[in-house]
Structures are given as structure tokens and as C-alpha cells.
PDB file of N, CA and C in Angstrom:
ATOM      1  N   UNK A   1     157.169 223.721 148.043  1.00  0.00           N
ATOM      2  CA  UNK A   1     156.964 224.268 149.017  1.00  0.00           C
ATOM      3  C   UNK A   1     156.973 225.892 148.993  1.00  0.00           C
ATOM      4  N   UNK A   2     156.078 227.372 149.512  1.00  0.00           N
ATOM      5  CA  UNK A   2     155.926 227.639 149.192  1.00  0.00           C
ATOM      6  C   UNK A   2     156.151 228.809 150.771  1.00  0.00           C
ATOM      7  N   UNK A   3     157.724 230.397 150.461  1.00  0.00           N
ATOM      8  CA  UNK A   3     157.925 230.157 151.876  1.00  0.00           C
ATOM      9  C   UNK A   3     157.141 231.172 152.039  1.00  0.00           C
ATOM     10  N   UNK A   4     156.384 231.968 151.388  1.00  0.00           N
ATOM     11  CA  UNK A   4     155.709 233.374 151.891  1.00  0.00           C
ATOM     12  C   UNK A   4     154.957 232.598 152.221  1.00  0.00           C
ATOM     13  N   UNK A   5     153.875 231.646 151.831  1.00  0.00           N
ATOM     14  CA  UNK A   5     153.051 231.431 152.749  1.00  0.00           C
ATOM     15  C   UNK A   5     153.040 231.044 153.703  1.00  0.00           C
ATOM     16  N   UNK A   6     154.347 229.934 153.971  1.00  0.00           N
ATOM     17  CA  UNK A   6     154.420 229.471 155.575  1.00  0.00           C
ATOM     18  C   UNK A   6     154.581 230.525 156.266  1.00  0.00           C
ATOM     19  N   UNK A   7     155.442 231.673 155.749  1.00  0.00           N
ATOM     20  CA  UNK A   7     155.721 232.829 156.773  1.00  0.00           C
ATOM     21  C   UNK A   7     154.303 232.960 157.608  1.00  0.00           C
ATOM     22  N   UNK A   8     153.164 233.357 155.885  1.00  0.00           N
ATOM     23  CA  UNK A   8     151.851 234.260 155.964  1.00  0.00           C
ATOM     24  C   UNK A   8     151.187 233.004 157.238  1.00  0.00           C
ATOM     25  N   UNK A   9     150.751 232.221 157.305  1.00  0.00           N
ATOM     26  CA  UNK A   9     150.542 230.788 157.706  1.00  0.00           C
ATOM     27  C   UNK A   9     151.071 231.703 159.248  1.00  0.00           C
ATOM     28  N   UNK A  10     152.140 231.082 159.433  1.00  0.00           N
ATOM     29  CA  UNK A  10     152.934 231.198 161.010  1.00  0.00           C
ATOM     30  C   UNK A  10     152.573 232.482 161.667  1.00  0.00           C
ATOM     31  N   UNK A  11     152.502 233.300 161.169  1.00  0.00           N
ATOM     32  CA  UNK A  11     152.108 235.178 161.630  1.00  0.00           C
ATOM     33  C   UNK A  11     151.177 235.230 161.771  1.00  0.00           C
ATOM     34  N   UNK A  12     149.892 234.504 160.874  1.00  0.00           N
ATOM     35  CA  UNK A  12     148.323 235.008 161.184  1.00  0.00           C
ATOM     36  C   UNK A  12     148.007 234.062 162.728  1.00  0.00           C
ATOM     37  N   UNK A  13     148.743 232.561 162.523  1.00  0.00           N
ATOM     38  CA  UNK A  13     148.724 231.946 163.830  1.00  0.00           C
ATOM     39  C   UNK A  13     148.854 232.467 164.780  1.00  0.00           C
ATOM     40  N   UNK A  14     149.673 233.626 165.105  1.00  0.00           N
ATOM     41  CA  UNK A  14     149.644 234.590 166.037  1.00  0.00           C
ATOM     42  C   UNK A  14     148.905 235.447 166.218  1.00  0.00           C
ATOM     43  N   UNK A  15     148.300 235.496 165.454  1.00  0.00           N
ATOM     44  CA  UNK A  15     146.882 237.027 165.843  1.00  0.00           C
ATOM     45  C   UNK A  15     145.813 236.611 166.562  1.00  0.00           C
ATOM     46  N   UNK A  16     145.066 237.340 167.485  1.00  0.00           N
ATOM     47  CA  UNK A  16     143.343 237.530 167.341  1.00  0.00           C
ATOM     48  C   UNK A  16     143.136 237.295 166.168  1.00  0.00           C
ATOM     49  N   UNK A  17     141.445 236.337 166.266  1.00  0.00           N
ATOM     50  CA  UNK A  17     140.413 236.937 165.367  1.00  0.00           C
ATOM     51  C   UNK A  17     139.692 237.735 165.263  1.00  0.00           C
ATOM     52  N   UNK A  18     139.536 238.314 164.467  1.00  0.00           N
ATOM     53  CA  UNK A  18     139.360 239.702 164.227  1.00  0.00           C
ATOM     54  C   UNK A  18     138.842 239.750 162.360  1.00  0.00           C
ATOM     55  N   UNK A  19     137.693 239.926 161.849  1.00  0.00           N
ATOM     56  CA  UNK A  19     137.094 239.642 160.257  1.00  0.00           C
ATOM     57  C   UNK A  19     137.177 241.066 160.355  1.00  0.00           C
ATOM     58  N   UNK A  20     138.142 241.565 159.974  1.00  0.00           N
ATOM     59  CA  UNK A  20     138.481 242.771 159.763  1.00  0.00           C
ATOM     60  C   UNK A  20     139.336 243.098 158.492  1.00  0.00           C
ATOM     61  N   UNK A  21     139.465 243.279 157.344  1.00  0.00           N
ATOM     62  CA  UNK A  21     140.543 243.187 156.612  1.00  0.00           C
ATOM     63  C   UNK A  21     141.216 244.651 155.665  1.00  0.00           C
ATOM     64  N   UNK A  22     140.907 245.308 156.430  1.00  0.00           N
ATOM     65  CA  UNK A  22     140.899 246.764 155.361  1.00  0.00           C
ATOM     66  C   UNK A  22     142.094 247.128 155.140  1.00  0.00           C
ATOM     67  N   UNK A  23     143.233 246.780 155.929  1.00  0.00           N
ATOM     68  CA  UNK A  23     145.053 246.882 155.435  1.00  0.00           C
ATOM     69  C   UNK A  23     145.600 245.710 155.649  1.00  0.00           C
ATOM     70  N   UNK A  24     145.305 244.941 155.838  1.00  0.00           N
ATOM     71  CA  UNK A  24     145.920 243.597 155.783  1.00  0.00           C
ATOM     72  C   UNK A  24     147.188 243.404 155.159  1.00  0.00           C
ATOM     73  N   UNK A  25     146.786 243.132 153.451  1.00  0.00           N
ATOM     74  CA  UNK A  25     147.699 243.104 152.872  1.00  0.00           C
ATOM     75  C   UNK A  25     149.085 244.207 152.917  1.00  0.00           C
ATOM     76  N   UNK A  26     148.580 245.117 153.174  1.00  0.00           N
ATOM     77  CA  UNK A  26     149.818 245.963 153.332  1.00  0.00           C
ATOM     78  C   UNK A  26     150.714 246.092 154.760  1.00  0.00           C
ATOM     79  N   UNK A  27     149.908 245.608 155.643  1.00  0.00           N
ATOM     80  CA  UNK A  27     150.998 245.030 157.293  1.00  0.00           C
ATOM     81  C   UNK A  27     151.256 243.607 157.548  1.00  0.00           C
ATOM     82  N   UNK A  28     150.458 242.723 156.644  1.00  0.00           N
ATOM     83  CA  UNK A  28     151.141 241.685 156.527  1.00  0.00           C
ATOM     84  C   UNK A  28     152.375 241.299 155.397  1.00  0.00           C
ATOM     85  N   UNK A  29     152.063 242.047 154.511  1.00  0.00           N
ATOM     86  CA  UNK A  29     152.959 242.362 153.527  1.00  0.00           C
ATOM     87  C   UNK A  29     154.431 243.090 154.154  1.00  0.00           C
ATOM     88  N   UNK A  30     154.777 244.010 154.937  1.00  0.00           N
ATOM     89  CA  UNK A  30     155.481 244.141 155.927  1.00  0.00           C
ATOM     90  C   UNK A  30     156.316 243.398 156.757  1.00  0.00           C
ATOM     91  N   UNK A  31     155.052 243.000 157.889  1.00  0.00           N
ATOM     92  CA  UNK A  31     155.804 241.668 158.562  1.00  0.00           C
ATOM     93  C   UNK A  31     155.812 240.695 157.582  1.00  0.00           C
ATOM     94  N   UNK A  32     155.863 239.914 157.163  1.00  0.00           N
ATOM     95  CA  UNK A  32     156.971 238.964 156.118  1.00  0.00           C
ATOM     96  C   UNK A  32     157.831 239.418 155.904  1.00  0.00           C
ATOM     97  N   UNK A  33     158.563 240.395 155.259  1.00  0.00           N
ATOM     98  CA  UNK A  33     159.329 240.977 155.183  1.00  0.00           C
ATOM     99  C   UNK A  33     160.637 241.283 155.921  1.00  0.00           C
ATOM    100  N   UNK A  34     160.257 241.649 157.180  1.00  0.00           N
ATOM    101  CA  UNK A  34     161.145 241.530 157.982  1.00  0.00           C
ATOM    102  C   UNK A  34     161.315 240.386 158.504  1.00  0.00           C
ATOM    103  N   UNK A  35     160.084 239.396 159.063  1.00  0.00           N
ATOM    104  CA  UNK A  35     160.572 237.768 158.933  1.00  0.00           C
ATOM    105  C   UNK A  35     161.927 237.681 158.512  1.00  0.00           C
ATOM    106  N   UNK A  36     161.436 237.936 156.697  1.00  0.00           N
ATOM    107  CA  UNK A  36     162.753 237.011 156.205  1.00  0.00           C
ATOM    108  C   UNK A  36     163.742 238.026 156.073  1.00  0.00           C
ATOM    109  N   UNK A  37     164.048 239.436 156.492  1.00  0.00           N
ATOM    110  CA  UNK A  37     164.912 240.138 156.447  1.00  0.00           C
ATOM    111  C   UNK A  37     165.961 239.743 157.581  1.00  0.00           C
ATOM    112  N   UNK A  38     165.116 238.927 159.170  1.00  0.00           N
ATOM    113  CA  UNK A  38     166.219 238.727 159.939  1.00  0.00           C
ATOM    114  C   UNK A  38     166.735 237.275 159.937  1.00  0.00           C
ATOM    115  N   UNK A  39     165.626 236.201 159.401  1.00  0.00           N
ATOM    116  CA  UNK A  39     166.352 235.280 158.847  1.00  0.00           C
ATOM    117  C   UNK A  39     167.661 234.948 157.951  1.00  0.00           C
ATOM    118  N   UNK A  40     167.445 236.003 156.841  1.00  0.00           N
ATOM    119  CA  UNK A  40     168.772 235.950 155.790  1.00  0.00           C
ATOM    120  C   UNK A  40     169.598 236.819 156.634  1.00  0.00           C
ATOM    121  N   UNK A  41     169.400 237.258 157.418  1.00  0.00           N
ATOM    122  CA  UNK A  41     170.514 238.111 158.183  1.00  0.00           C
ATOM    123  C   UNK A  41     171.085 237.161 159.325  1.00  0.00           C
ATOM    124  N   UNK A  42     170.822 236.065 160.067  1.00  0.00           N
ATOM    125  CA  UNK A  42     170.828 234.934 160.167  1.00  0.00           C
ATOM    126  C   UNK A  42     171.984 233.619 159.553  1.00  0.00           C
ATOM    127  N   UNK A  43     171.355 233.724 158.472  1.00  0.00           N
ATOM    128  CA  UNK A  43     171.732 232.873 157.882  1.00  0.00           C
ATOM    129  C   UNK A  43     173.205 232.731 157.216  1.00  0.00           C
ATOM    130  N   UNK A  44     173.568 234.450 156.623  1.00  0.00           N
ATOM    131  CA  UNK A  44     174.027 234.974 155.922  1.00  0.00           C
ATOM    132  C   UNK A  44     175.463 235.136 157.230  1.00  0.00           C
ATOM    133  N   UNK A  45     175.274 235.215 158.101  1.00  0.00           N
ATOM    134  CA  UNK A  45     175.985 235.051 159.274  1.00  0.00           C
ATOM    135  C   UNK A  45     176.636 233.928 159.737  1.00  0.00           C
ATOM    136  N   UNK A  46     175.820 232.884 159.713  1.00  0.00           N
ATOM    137  CA  UNK A  46     176.047 231.512 159.724  1.00  0.00           C
ATOM    138  C   UNK A  46     176.967 231.426 158.136  1.00  0.00           C
ATOM    139  N   UNK A  47     176.874 231.416 156.982  1.00  0.00           N
ATOM    140  CA  UNK A  47     177.484 231.026 156.046  1.00  0.00           C
ATOM    141  C   UNK A  47     178.648 231.371 156.141  1.00  0.00           C
ATOM    142  N   UNK A  48     179.211 232.603 156.464  1.00  0.00           N
ATOM    143  CA  UNK A  48     180.260 233.597 156.807  1.00  0.00           C
ATOM    144  C   UNK A  48     181.356 233.326 157.709  1.00  0.00           C
ATOM    145  N   UNK A  49     181.353 232.559 158.683  1.00  0.00           N
ATOM    146  CA  UNK A  49     181.466 232.144 159.569  1.00  0.00           C
ATOM    147  C   UNK A  49     182.947 230.966 159.453  1.00  0.00           C
ATOM    148  N   UNK A  50     184.223 231.231 159.179  1.00  0.00           N
ATOM    149  CA  UNK A  50     185.249 230.621 158.348  1.00  0.00           C
ATOM    150  C   UNK A  50     185.714 230.171 159.701  1.00  0.00           C
ATOM    151  N   UNK A  51     185.662 230.356 160.869  1.00  0.00           N
ATOM    152  CA  UNK A  51     185.947 229.262 161.800  1.00  0.00           C
ATOM    153  C   UNK A  51     185.552 228.011 162.336  1.00  0.00           C
ATOM    154  N   UNK A  52     184.341 227.573 161.572  1.00  0.00           N
ATOM    155  CA  UNK A  52     184.166 226.227 161.777  1.00  0.00           C
ATOM    156  C   UNK A  52     184.906 225.185 160.879  1.00  0.00           C
ATOM    157  N   UNK A  53     184.467 224.006 161.681  1.00  0.00           N
ATOM    158  CA  UNK A  53     185.164 222.702 161.119  1.00  0.00           C
ATOM    159  C   UNK A  53     184.010 221.980 160.252  1.00  0.00           C
ATOM    160  N   UNK A  54     184.835 221.265 159.569  1.00  0.00           N
ATOM    161  CA  UNK A  54     182.960 220.564 158.688  1.00  0.00           C
ATOM    162  C   UNK A  54     182.186 219.850 159.942  1.00  0.00           C
ATOM    163  N   UNK A  55     182.277 219.582 161.084  1.00  0.00           N
ATOM    164  CA  UNK A  55     181.112 219.218 161.918  1.00  0.00           C
ATOM    165  C   UNK A  55     180.295 220.223 162.334  1.00  0.00           C
ATOM    166  N   UNK A  56     181.013 221.179 162.545  1.00  0.00           N
ATOM    167  CA  UNK A  56     180.485 222.655 162.894  1.00  0.00           C
ATOM    168  C   UNK A  56     179.845 223.547 162.126  1.00  0.00           C
ATOM    169  N   UNK A  57     180.227 223.209 160.522  1.00  0.00           N
ATOM    170  CA  UNK A  57     179.396 223.651 159.558  1.00  0.00           C
ATOM    171  C   UNK A  57     177.579 223.069 160.027  1.00  0.00           C
ATOM    172  N   UNK A  58     178.166 221.802 159.422  1.00  0.00           N
ATOM    173  CA  UNK A  58     176.678 220.818 159.432  1.00  0.00           C
ATOM    174  C   UNK A  58     176.018 221.572 160.440  1.00  0.00           C
ATOM    175  N   UNK A  59     176.330 221.253 161.616  1.00  0.00           N
ATOM    176  CA  UNK A  59     175.517 221.888 162.763  1.00  0.00           C
ATOM    177  C   UNK A  59     174.727 223.065 163.109  1.00  0.00           C
ATOM    178  N   UNK A  60     175.691 224.243 161.589  1.00  0.00           N
ATOM    179  CA  UNK A  60     175.382 225.653 161.620  1.00  0.00           C
ATOM    180  C   UNK A  60     174.096 224.943 160.431  1.00  0.00           C
ATOM    181  N   UNK A  61     174.398 224.773 160.180  1.00  0.00           N
ATOM    182  CA  UNK A  61     173.131 224.026 158.630  1.00  0.00           C
ATOM    183  C   UNK A  61     172.343 223.645 159.473  1.00  0.00           C
ATOM    184  N   UNK A  62     172.226 222.812 160.350  1.00  0.00           N
ATOM    185  CA  UNK A  62     170.786 222.137 160.882  1.00  0.00           C
ATOM    186  C   UNK A  62     170.583 223.944 161.696  1.00  0.00           C
ATOM    187  N   UNK A  63     171.173 224.711 162.210  1.00  0.00           N
ATOM    188  CA  UNK A  63     170.811 225.666 162.503  1.00  0.00           C
ATOM    189  C   UNK A  63     169.804 226.493 161.773  1.00  0.00           C
ATOM    190  N   UNK A  64     170.128 226.623 160.668  1.00  0.00           N
ATOM    191  CA  UNK A  64     169.916 227.258 159.402  1.00  0.00           C
ATOM    192  C   UNK A  64     168.315 226.657 158.944  1.00  0.00           C
ATOM    193  N   UNK A  65     167.797 225.750 159.070  1.00  0.00           N
ATOM    194  CA  UNK A  65     167.219 224.667 159.078  1.00  0.00           C
ATOM    195  C   UNK A  65     165.765 225.031 159.949  1.00  0.00           C
ATOM    196  N   UNK A  66     166.566 225.179 161.099  1.00  0.00           N
ATOM    197  CA  UNK A  66     165.516 224.886 162.018  1.00  0.00           C
ATOM    198  C   UNK A  66     165.131 226.944 162.018  1.00  0.00           C
ATOM    199  N   UNK A  67     165.871 227.591 161.691  1.00  0.00           N
ATOM    200  CA  UNK A  67     165.530 228.801 161.788  1.00  0.00           C
ATOM    201  C   UNK A  67     164.306 229.086 160.693  1.00  0.00           C
ATOM    202  N   UNK A  68     164.151 228.379 159.290  1.00  0.00           N
ATOM    203  CA  UNK A  68     163.360 228.316 158.802  1.00  0.00           C
ATOM    204  C   UNK A  68     161.661 227.430 159.092  1.00  0.00           C
ATOM    205  N   UNK A  69     162.317 226.614 159.987  1.00  0.00           N
ATOM    206  CA  UNK A  69     160.880 225.697 160.759  1.00  0.00           C
ATOM    207  C   UNK A  69     160.122 226.702 161.899  1.00  0.00           C
ATOM    208  N   UNK A  70     161.257 227.977 162.374  1.00  0.00           N
ATOM    209  CA  UNK A  70     160.630 229.041 163.723  1.00  0.00           C
ATOM    210  C   UNK A  70     159.546 229.065 162.599  1.00  0.00           C
ATOM    211  N   UNK A  71     159.753 229.559 161.160  1.00  0.00           N
ATOM    212  CA  UNK A  71     158.874 230.857 160.788  1.00  0.00           C
ATOM    213  C   UNK A  71     157.977 229.966 159.672  1.00  0.00           C
ATOM    214  N   UNK A  72     157.407 228.644 160.470  1.00  0.00           N
ATOM    215  CA  UNK A  72     157.029 227.859 159.611  1.00  0.00           C
ATOM    216  C   UNK A  72     156.717 226.978 158.248  1.00  0.00           C
ATOM    217  N   UNK A  73     158.505 227.239 158.204  1.00  0.00           N
ATOM    218  CA  UNK A  73     158.815 226.075 156.731  1.00  0.00           C
ATOM    219  C   UNK A  73     159.227 225.418 157.087  1.00  0.00           C
ATOM    220  N   UNK A  74     158.732 224.355 156.429  1.00  0.00           N
ATOM    221  CA  UNK A  74     159.497 222.970 157.010  1.00  0.00           C
ATOM    222  C   UNK A  74     160.885 222.381 156.546  1.00  0.00           C
ATOM    223  N   UNK A  75     161.698 221.743 157.309  1.00  0.00           N
ATOM    224  CA  UNK A  75     163.227 221.648 156.806  1.00  0.00           C
ATOM    225  C   UNK A  75     163.052 220.415 155.427  1.00  0.00           C
ATOM    226  N   UNK A  76     162.038 220.102 155.357  1.00  0.00           N
ATOM    227  CA  UNK A  76     162.346 218.575 154.356  1.00  0.00           C
ATOM    228  C   UNK A  76     162.076 217.164 154.684  1.00  0.00           C
ATOM    229  N   UNK A  77     162.713 216.357 153.994  1.00  0.00           N
ATOM    230  CA  UNK A  77     162.315 215.268 153.947  1.00  0.00           C
ATOM    231  C   UNK A  77     164.275 215.207 154.844  1.00  0.00           C
ATOM    232  N   UNK A  78     164.911 215.461 154.364  1.00  0.00           N
ATOM    233  CA  UNK A  78     166.028 215.548 154.665  1.00  0.00           C
ATOM    234  C   UNK A  78     166.574 215.743 156.162  1.00  0.00           C
ATOM    235  N   UNK A  79     165.616 216.812 156.641  1.00  0.00           N
ATOM    236  CA  UNK A  79     166.138 217.323 157.821  1.00  0.00           C
ATOM    237  C   UNK A  79     164.981 216.829 158.953  1.00  0.00           C
ATOM    238  N   UNK A  80     165.688 215.083 158.820  1.00  0.00           N
ATOM    239  CA  UNK A  80     165.549 214.282 160.137  1.00  0.00           C
ATOM    240  C   UNK A  80     166.483 213.853 160.909  1.00  0.00           C
ATOM    241  N   UNK A  81     167.449 214.775 161.710  1.00  0.00           N
ATOM    242  CA  UNK A  81     168.569 214.188 161.842  1.00  0.00           C
ATOM    243  C   UNK A  81     167.925 213.254 163.633  1.00  0.00           C
ATOM    244  N   UNK A  82     167.642 213.096 163.712  1.00  0.00           N
ATOM    245  CA  UNK A  82     167.302 212.522 164.948  1.00  0.00           C
ATOM    246  C   UNK A  82     166.917 213.281 166.682  1.00  0.00           C
TER     247      UNK A  82
END
């Protein structure tokens, strides 16, 4: 799994195709960094929540995996909870 590649692919899926790339590298890096920061911020809030029971914590881990899936990164084979 290449998280950075997954994020770039997901970001590019949302863009209109125009075959001009003079500043793409700089812009796409900033966009990917913004996505990473927002995702890490959400994950940090989940793992710092001391009020969760074991079941609640499991559900929060599921939410973390879903955040990765939202940015185009697969949750792996272990995230098939039905």
C-alpha cells in the first residue's frame, strides 16, 4: 500500500482533465499534505478519547479505517466487518 499514491489518485479523480502540468507538482503536494493533516487530526481525536469502552473503541478504529478509505487508501483484508 502506498498511501501517498492512493491520496494523489483520489485527488486527481475529482479534477477535470486538462493536459497542462506546469505547476502540478507543487499544488498536488500541498493538497495531499492538507488531506493527510486533516485525516491525522481526526485519528488523533479518536485515540485520545478516554471515554470509550472496548466496543466503542473498536467502532472508533472502524471509523479510522473509513477515513483512510475516504482518501482512497484501502482498509486491507482485515476491514471486512460486514
